[in-house]
């Protein structure tokens, strides 16, 4: 168990540094968490720059948010993380960030639900927009409740984005893919607008998604 915990802590630190370097977060924004085999959660602390995160910053809490280990306070957004874990047994890692392109859609009140890029369809499916909720409050859980069971990525209105994964790399890659997709959609609209795939094309991709990723695409 100790080796597993140490490995996950190291991954959290590495991904925290990456999302800061990529500009997915600024200052002390964003948070990352991962679920341990015993059900406890490792997460980044509040008020620490993700580019400066160290192993000693990571805290461990139980499934109810009680501090198990660490000298720092858990992220103020931990309620959102705990809500997701309680509703998704298949999710073991969460990344919340403010990547500029994806967050711009969230600020504009726009979802990314159109089926456009095959790679996004088979990996992420639709990317909905959760209604605005005051960060760090129970309102956030209420806002994502309609989407948490059937989506691995969603935008938070006037806030940012959240991606869910079977592990930390999976959650990070989904955030990276989400941001790239948002950039492509924005640029395509400068050129006249994205072209949505046909139902026939989506059905073919749905078969691939189910076979390769075990995910069902809802058309």
C-alpha atoms as a PDB file:
ATOM      1  CA  UNK A   1       0.000   0.000   0.000  1.00  0.00           C
ATOM      2  CA  UNK A   2       2.857   2.374   0.847  1.00  0.00           C
ATOM      3  CA  UNK A   3       4.456   1.894  -2.574  1.00  0.00           C
ATOM      4  CA  UNK A   4       1.136   2.517  -4.313  1.00  0.00           C
ATOM      5  CA  UNK A   5       0.558   5.678  -2.292  1.00  0.00           C
ATOM      6  CA  UNK A   6       4.053   6.998  -2.981  1.00  0.00           C
ATOM      7  CA  UNK A   7       3.631   6.337  -6.709  1.00  0.00           C
ATOM      8  CA  UNK A   8       0.310   8.180  -6.839  1.00  0.00           C
ATOM      9  CA  UNK A   9       1.690  11.117  -4.850  1.00  0.00           C
ATOM     10  CA  UNK A  10       4.562  11.399  -7.325  1.00  0.00           C
ATOM     11  CA  UNK A  11       2.103  11.323 -10.250  1.00  0.00           C
ATOM     12  CA  UNK A  12      -0.019  14.064  -8.686  1.00  0.00           C
ATOM     13  CA  UNK A  13       3.071  16.252  -8.299  1.00  0.00           C
ATOM     14  CA  UNK A  14       4.178  15.611 -11.880  1.00  0.00           C
ATOM     15  CA  UNK A  15       0.761  16.361 -13.356  1.00  0.00           C
ATOM     16  CA  UNK A  16       0.404  19.469 -11.198  1.00  0.00           C
ATOM     17  CA  UNK A  17       3.661  20.754 -12.673  1.00  0.00           C
ATOM     18  CA  UNK A  18       2.559  19.892 -16.208  1.00  0.00           C
ATOM     19  CA  UNK A  19      -0.812  21.651 -16.025  1.00  0.00           C
ATOM     20  CA  UNK A  20       0.943  24.747 -14.682  1.00  0.00           C
ATOM     21  CA  UNK A  21       3.593  24.661 -17.413  1.00  0.00           C
ATOM     22  CA  UNK A  22       0.921  24.251 -20.075  1.00  0.00           C
ATOM     23  CA  UNK A  23      -0.978  27.249 -18.747  1.00  0.00           C
ATOM     24  CA  UNK A  24      -4.014  25.188 -17.764  1.00  0.00           C
ATOM     25  CA  UNK A  25      -3.885  26.928 -14.363  1.00  0.00           C
ATOM     26  CA  UNK A  26      -2.389  30.121 -12.978  1.00  0.00           C
ATOM     27  CA  UNK A  27      -1.385  31.290  -9.513  1.00  0.00           C
ATOM     28  CA  UNK A  28      -2.911  28.814  -7.035  1.00  0.00           C
ATOM     29  CA  UNK A  29      -5.813  27.712  -9.263  1.00  0.00           C
ATOM     30  CA  UNK A  30      -6.858  24.139  -9.982  1.00  0.00           C
ATOM     31  CA  UNK A  31      -6.813  20.892  -8.050  1.00  0.00           C
ATOM     32  CA  UNK A  32      -5.997  17.226  -8.579  1.00  0.00           C
ATOM     33  CA  UNK A  33      -7.045  14.138  -6.663  1.00  0.00           C
ATOM     34  CA  UNK A  34      -6.733  10.362  -6.824  1.00  0.00           C
ATOM     35  CA  UNK A  35      -8.479   7.523  -5.025  1.00  0.00           C
ATOM     36  CA  UNK A  36      -6.441   4.934  -3.127  1.00  0.00           C
ATOM     37  CA  UNK A  37      -7.352   1.220  -3.037  1.00  0.00           C
ATOM     38  CA  UNK A  38      -8.663   1.640   0.529  1.00  0.00           C
ATOM     39  CA  UNK A  39     -11.075   4.380  -0.548  1.00  0.00           C
ATOM     40  CA  UNK A  40      -9.135   7.303   0.857  1.00  0.00           C
ATOM     41  CA  UNK A  41      -8.341  10.273  -1.378  1.00  0.00           C
ATOM     42  CA  UNK A  42      -5.018  11.970  -2.069  1.00  0.00           C
ATOM     43  CA  UNK A  43      -5.339  15.580  -3.213  1.00  0.00           C
ATOM     44  CA  UNK A  44      -3.505  18.809  -3.767  1.00  0.00           C
ATOM     45  CA  UNK A  45      -3.736  21.398  -0.971  1.00  0.00           C
ATOM     46  CA  UNK A  46      -5.379  24.772  -1.061  1.00  0.00           C
ATOM     47  CA  UNK A  47      -3.427  27.963  -1.822  1.00  0.00           C
ATOM     48  CA  UNK A  48      -0.322  26.342  -3.341  1.00  0.00           C
ATOM     49  CA  UNK A  49       0.877  27.091  -6.873  1.00  0.00           C
ATOM     50  CA  UNK A  50       0.683  23.905  -8.939  1.00  0.00           C
ATOM     51  CA  UNK A  51       4.088  24.613 -10.414  1.00  0.00           C
ATOM     52  CA  UNK A  52       5.558  24.556  -6.905  1.00  0.00           C
ATOM     53  CA  UNK A  53       3.766  21.508  -5.541  1.00  0.00           C
ATOM     54  CA  UNK A  54       5.971  19.023  -3.672  1.00  0.00           C
ATOM     55  CA  UNK A  55       5.281  15.576  -2.269  1.00  0.00           C
ATOM     56  CA  UNK A  56       5.043  17.051   1.214  1.00  0.00           C
ATOM     57  CA  UNK A  57       2.140  19.250   0.099  1.00  0.00           C
ATOM     58  CA  UNK A  58      -0.147  16.336  -0.783  1.00  0.00           C
ATOM     59  CA  UNK A  59      -2.799  15.489   1.794  1.00  0.00           C
ATOM     60  CA  UNK A  60      -4.847  12.351   2.425  1.00  0.00           C
ATOM     61  CA  UNK A  61      -8.494  12.438   3.417  1.00  0.00           C
ATOM     62  CA  UNK A  62     -11.196   9.838   3.897  1.00  0.00           C
ATOM     63  CA  UNK A  63     -14.322   9.550   1.737  1.00  0.00           C
ATOM     64  CA  UNK A  64     -16.096  12.080   3.959  1.00  0.00           C
ATOM     65  CA  UNK A  65     -13.369  14.715   3.715  1.00  0.00           C
ATOM     66  CA  UNK A  66     -11.770  14.124   7.106  1.00  0.00           C
ATOM     67  CA  UNK A  67      -8.016  14.723   7.180  1.00  0.00           C
ATOM     68  CA  UNK A  68      -6.034  11.502   7.551  1.00  0.00           C
ATOM     69  CA  UNK A  69      -2.535  12.736   6.803  1.00  0.00           C
ATOM     70  CA  UNK A  70      -0.831  15.971   5.833  1.00  0.00           C
ATOM     71  CA  UNK A  71       0.174  19.353   7.210  1.00  0.00           C
ATOM     72  CA  UNK A  72      -1.853  21.401   4.717  1.00  0.00           C
ATOM     73  CA  UNK A  73      -5.562  21.920   4.180  1.00  0.00           C
ATOM     74  CA  UNK A  74      -7.181  19.990   1.310  1.00  0.00           C
ATOM     75  CA  UNK A  75      -8.265  21.875  -1.797  1.00  0.00           C
ATOM     76  CA  UNK A  76     -11.309  24.057  -1.243  1.00  0.00           C
ATOM     77  CA  UNK A  77     -12.931  22.201  -4.164  1.00  0.00           C
ATOM     78  CA  UNK A  78     -12.648  18.807  -2.466  1.00  0.00           C
ATOM     79  CA  UNK A  79     -16.450  18.598  -2.041  1.00  0.00           C
ATOM     80  CA  UNK A  80     -16.782  18.357  -5.813  1.00  0.00           C
ATOM     81  CA  UNK A  81     -14.176  15.600  -5.977  1.00  0.00           C
ATOM     82  CA  UNK A  82     -15.808  13.591  -3.191  1.00  0.00           C
ATOM     83  CA  UNK A  83     -19.208  13.911  -4.869  1.00  0.00           C
ATOM     84  CA  UNK A  84     -17.806  12.530  -8.115  1.00  0.00           C
ATOM     85  CA  UNK A  85     -16.087   9.595  -6.403  1.00  0.00           C
ATOM     86  CA  UNK A  86     -19.277   8.685  -4.547  1.00  0.00           C
ATOM     87  CA  UNK A  87     -21.189   8.601  -7.826  1.00  0.00           C
ATOM     88  CA  UNK A  88     -18.582   6.927 -10.040  1.00  0.00           C
ATOM     89  CA  UNK A  89     -16.964   3.692  -8.898  1.00  0.00           C
ATOM     90  CA  UNK A  90     -14.983   3.593 -12.146  1.00  0.00           C
ATOM     91  CA  UNK A  91     -13.310   6.959 -11.528  1.00  0.00           C
ATOM     92  CA  UNK A  92     -10.037   6.966  -9.597  1.00  0.00           C
ATOM     93  CA  UNK A  93      -8.642  10.380 -10.530  1.00  0.00           C
ATOM     94  CA  UNK A  94      -9.926  13.903 -11.175  1.00  0.00           C
ATOM     95  CA  UNK A  95      -8.314  16.994 -12.674  1.00  0.00           C
ATOM     96  CA  UNK A  96      -9.921  20.410 -12.313  1.00  0.00           C
ATOM     97  CA  UNK A  97      -8.266  23.254 -14.196  1.00  0.00           C
ATOM     98  CA  UNK A  98      -8.896  26.511 -16.039  1.00  0.00           C
ATOM     99  CA  UNK A  99      -7.416  25.903 -19.514  1.00  0.00           C
ATOM    100  CA  UNK A 100      -7.943  29.127 -21.519  1.00  0.00           C
ATOM    101  CA  UNK A 101      -9.837  27.816 -24.557  1.00  0.00           C
ATOM    102  CA  UNK A 102     -12.136  25.442 -22.694  1.00  0.00           C
ATOM    103  CA  UNK A 103     -12.721  28.009 -19.966  1.00  0.00           C
ATOM    104  CA  UNK A 104     -13.581  30.615 -22.607  1.00  0.00           C
ATOM    105  CA  UNK A 105     -16.440  28.389 -23.758  1.00  0.00           C
ATOM    106  CA  UNK A 106     -17.534  27.993 -20.137  1.00  0.00           C
ATOM    107  CA  UNK A 107     -17.431  31.763 -19.600  1.00  0.00           C
ATOM    108  CA  UNK A 108     -19.431  32.331 -22.789  1.00  0.00           C
ATOM    109  CA  UNK A 109     -22.041  29.860 -21.571  1.00  0.00           C
ATOM    110  CA  UNK A 110     -21.334  27.412 -24.414  1.00  0.00           C
ATOM    111  CA  UNK A 111     -21.022  23.645 -24.195  1.00  0.00           C
ATOM    112  CA  UNK A 112     -18.929  21.441 -26.478  1.00  0.00           C
ATOM    113  CA  UNK A 113     -21.647  18.866 -27.104  1.00  0.00           C
ATOM    114  CA  UNK A 114     -21.571  18.743 -30.914  1.00  0.00           C
ATOM    115  CA  UNK A 115     -20.051  15.599 -32.402  1.00  0.00           C
ATOM    116  CA  UNK A 116     -17.181  16.877 -34.538  1.00  0.00           C
ATOM    117  CA  UNK A 117     -13.824  15.148 -34.008  1.00  0.00           C
ATOM    118  CA  UNK A 118     -13.745  11.312 -34.015  1.00  0.00           C
ATOM    119  CA  UNK A 119     -10.985  11.144 -31.404  1.00  0.00           C
ATOM    120  CA  UNK A 120     -12.998  13.291 -29.018  1.00  0.00           C
ATOM    121  CA  UNK A 121     -16.196  11.351 -29.627  1.00  0.00           C
ATOM    122  CA  UNK A 122     -14.708   7.946 -28.790  1.00  0.00           C
ATOM    123  CA  UNK A 123     -12.761   9.208 -25.767  1.00  0.00           C
ATOM    124  CA  UNK A 124     -14.916  11.938 -24.259  1.00  0.00           C
ATOM    125  CA  UNK A 125     -18.312  11.878 -25.928  1.00  0.00           C
ATOM    126  CA  UNK A 126     -20.389  14.996 -25.388  1.00  0.00           C
ATOM    127  CA  UNK A 127     -18.909  17.707 -23.198  1.00  0.00           C
ATOM    128  CA  UNK A 128     -21.776  19.464 -21.409  1.00  0.00           C
ATOM    129  CA  UNK A 129     -21.854  22.777 -19.572  1.00  0.00           C
ATOM    130  CA  UNK A 130     -22.823  22.674 -15.894  1.00  0.00           C
ATOM    131  CA  UNK A 131     -24.682  25.729 -14.634  1.00  0.00           C
ATOM    132  CA  UNK A 132     -22.723  28.253 -12.602  1.00  0.00           C
ATOM    133  CA  UNK A 133     -22.219  27.357  -8.948  1.00  0.00           C
ATOM    134  CA  UNK A 134     -20.228  29.137  -6.250  1.00  0.00           C
ATOM    135  CA  UNK A 135     -16.811  27.403  -6.064  1.00  0.00           C
ATOM    136  CA  UNK A 136     -16.039  25.320  -2.952  1.00  0.00           C
ATOM    137  CA  UNK A 137     -19.727  25.067  -1.961  1.00  0.00           C
ATOM    138  CA  UNK A 138     -22.311  22.285  -2.177  1.00  0.00           C
ATOM    139  CA  UNK A 139     -23.765  24.165  -5.154  1.00  0.00           C
ATOM    140  CA  UNK A 140     -21.031  22.702  -7.359  1.00  0.00           C
ATOM    141  CA  UNK A 141     -22.128  19.131  -6.665  1.00  0.00           C
ATOM    142  CA  UNK A 142     -25.703  20.115  -7.477  1.00  0.00           C
ATOM    143  CA  UNK A 143     -24.630  21.720 -10.762  1.00  0.00           C
ATOM    144  CA  UNK A 144     -22.715  18.670 -12.010  1.00  0.00           C
ATOM    145  CA  UNK A 145     -25.213  16.117 -10.724  1.00  0.00           C
ATOM    146  CA  UNK A 146     -27.024  15.772 -14.101  1.00  0.00           C
ATOM    147  CA  UNK A 147     -23.770  14.910 -15.871  1.00  0.00           C
ATOM    148  CA  UNK A 148     -21.510  13.097 -13.448  1.00  0.00           C
ATOM    149  CA  UNK A 149     -22.710   9.543 -14.176  1.00  0.00           C
ATOM    150  CA  UNK A 150     -22.508   9.688 -17.963  1.00  0.00           C
ATOM    151  CA  UNK A 151     -19.694  12.109 -18.778  1.00  0.00           C
ATOM    152  CA  UNK A 152     -15.935  12.084 -18.223  1.00  0.00           C
ATOM    153  CA  UNK A 153     -15.469  15.765 -19.066  1.00  0.00           C
ATOM    154  CA  UNK A 154     -17.612  18.810 -18.466  1.00  0.00           C
ATOM    155  CA  UNK A 155     -17.334  22.556 -18.344  1.00  0.00           C
ATOM    156  CA  UNK A 156     -18.211  24.605 -15.267  1.00  0.00           C
ATOM    157  CA  UNK A 157     -19.945  27.823 -16.290  1.00  0.00           C
ATOM    158  CA  UNK A 158     -17.848  30.932 -15.532  1.00  0.00           C
ATOM    159  CA  UNK A 159     -15.295  28.707 -13.854  1.00  0.00           C
ATOM    160  CA  UNK A 160     -13.312  26.052 -15.717  1.00  0.00           C
ATOM    161  CA  UNK A 161     -13.306  22.369 -16.609  1.00  0.00           C
ATOM    162  CA  UNK A 162     -13.248  18.954 -14.941  1.00  0.00           C
ATOM    163  CA  UNK A 163     -12.074  15.619 -16.327  1.00  0.00           C
ATOM    164  CA  UNK A 164     -12.435  12.165 -14.799  1.00  0.00           C
ATOM    165  CA  UNK A 165     -10.222   9.152 -15.339  1.00  0.00           C
ATOM    166  CA  UNK A 166      -9.511   5.586 -14.334  1.00  0.00           C
ATOM    167  CA  UNK A 167      -6.122   6.908 -13.233  1.00  0.00           C
ATOM    168  CA  UNK A 168      -4.236  10.205 -13.102  1.00  0.00           C
ATOM    169  CA  UNK A 169      -2.750  10.016 -16.585  1.00  0.00           C
ATOM    170  CA  UNK A 170      -6.165   9.246 -18.034  1.00  0.00           C
ATOM    171  CA  UNK A 171      -7.725  12.244 -16.281  1.00  0.00           C
ATOM    172  CA  UNK A 172      -4.883  14.514 -17.411  1.00  0.00           C
ATOM    173  CA  UNK A 173      -4.957  13.316 -21.023  1.00  0.00           C
ATOM    174  CA  UNK A 174      -8.682  14.026 -21.113  1.00  0.00           C
ATOM    175  CA  UNK A 175      -8.056  17.570 -19.887  1.00  0.00           C
ATOM    176  CA  UNK A 176      -5.384  18.009 -22.541  1.00  0.00           C
ATOM    177  CA  UNK A 177      -7.720  16.648 -25.242  1.00  0.00           C
ATOM    178  CA  UNK A 178     -10.562  18.871 -24.020  1.00  0.00           C
ATOM    179  CA  UNK A 179      -8.422  21.994 -24.265  1.00  0.00           C
ATOM    180  CA  UNK A 180      -7.143  21.074 -27.731  1.00  0.00           C
ATOM    181  CA  UNK A 181     -10.705  20.384 -28.875  1.00  0.00           C
ATOM    182  CA  UNK A 182     -11.925  23.737 -27.551  1.00  0.00           C
ATOM    183  CA  UNK A 183      -9.135  25.482 -29.461  1.00  0.00           C
ATOM    184  CA  UNK A 184     -10.011  23.642 -32.689  1.00  0.00           C
ATOM    185  CA  UNK A 185     -13.709  24.478 -32.360  1.00  0.00           C
ATOM    186  CA  UNK A 186     -12.983  28.142 -31.687  1.00  0.00           C
ATOM    187  CA  UNK A 187     -10.675  28.379 -34.702  1.00  0.00           C
ATOM    188  CA  UNK A 188     -13.167  26.528 -36.901  1.00  0.00           C
ATOM    189  CA  UNK A 189     -15.808  29.106 -36.026  1.00  0.00           C
ATOM    190  CA  UNK A 190     -13.468  31.837 -37.224  1.00  0.00           C
ATOM    191  CA  UNK A 191     -13.403  29.963 -40.531  1.00  0.00           C
ATOM    192  CA  UNK A 192     -17.163  29.606 -40.787  1.00  0.00           C
ATOM    193  CA  UNK A 193     -18.112  27.009 -38.191  1.00  0.00           C
ATOM    194  CA  UNK A 194     -17.527  23.349 -37.397  1.00  0.00           C
ATOM    195  CA  UNK A 195     -19.179  20.643 -39.492  1.00  0.00           C
ATOM    196  CA  UNK A 196     -21.041  18.158 -37.307  1.00  0.00           C
ATOM    197  CA  UNK A 197     -20.716  14.472 -38.199  1.00  0.00           C
ATOM    198  CA  UNK A 198     -23.767  12.564 -39.470  1.00  0.00           C
ATOM    199  CA  UNK A 199     -25.671  10.050 -37.356  1.00  0.00           C
ATOM    200  CA  UNK A 200     -24.293   7.295 -39.575  1.00  0.00           C
ATOM    201  CA  UNK A 201     -20.731   8.357 -38.875  1.00  0.00           C
ATOM    202  CA  UNK A 202     -21.448   8.653 -35.159  1.00  0.00           C
ATOM    203  CA  UNK A 203     -22.945   5.139 -35.051  1.00  0.00           C
ATOM    204  CA  UNK A 204     -19.728   3.746 -36.523  1.00  0.00           C
ATOM    205  CA  UNK A 205     -17.703   5.615 -33.924  1.00  0.00           C
ATOM    206  CA  UNK A 206     -20.057   4.387 -31.189  1.00  0.00           C
ATOM    207  CA  UNK A 207     -19.140   0.813 -32.083  1.00  0.00           C
ATOM    208  CA  UNK A 208     -15.443   1.671 -31.823  1.00  0.00           C
ATOM    209  CA  UNK A 209     -15.979   3.472 -28.516  1.00  0.00           C
ATOM    210  CA  UNK A 210     -17.833   0.533 -26.994  1.00  0.00           C
ATOM    211  CA  UNK A 211     -15.330  -2.027 -28.259  1.00  0.00           C
ATOM    212  CA  UNK A 212     -12.152  -0.107 -27.440  1.00  0.00           C
ATOM    213  CA  UNK A 213     -13.135   1.957 -24.398  1.00  0.00           C
ATOM    214  CA  UNK A 214     -16.237   0.256 -23.040  1.00  0.00           C
ATOM    215  CA  UNK A 215     -18.174   3.523 -23.393  1.00  0.00           C
ATOM    216  CA  UNK A 216     -21.605   3.960 -24.859  1.00  0.00           C
ATOM    217  CA  UNK A 217     -22.099   7.073 -26.966  1.00  0.00           C
ATOM    218  CA  UNK A 218     -25.518   8.647 -26.709  1.00  0.00           C
ATOM    219  CA  UNK A 219     -26.665  10.137 -29.993  1.00  0.00           C
END
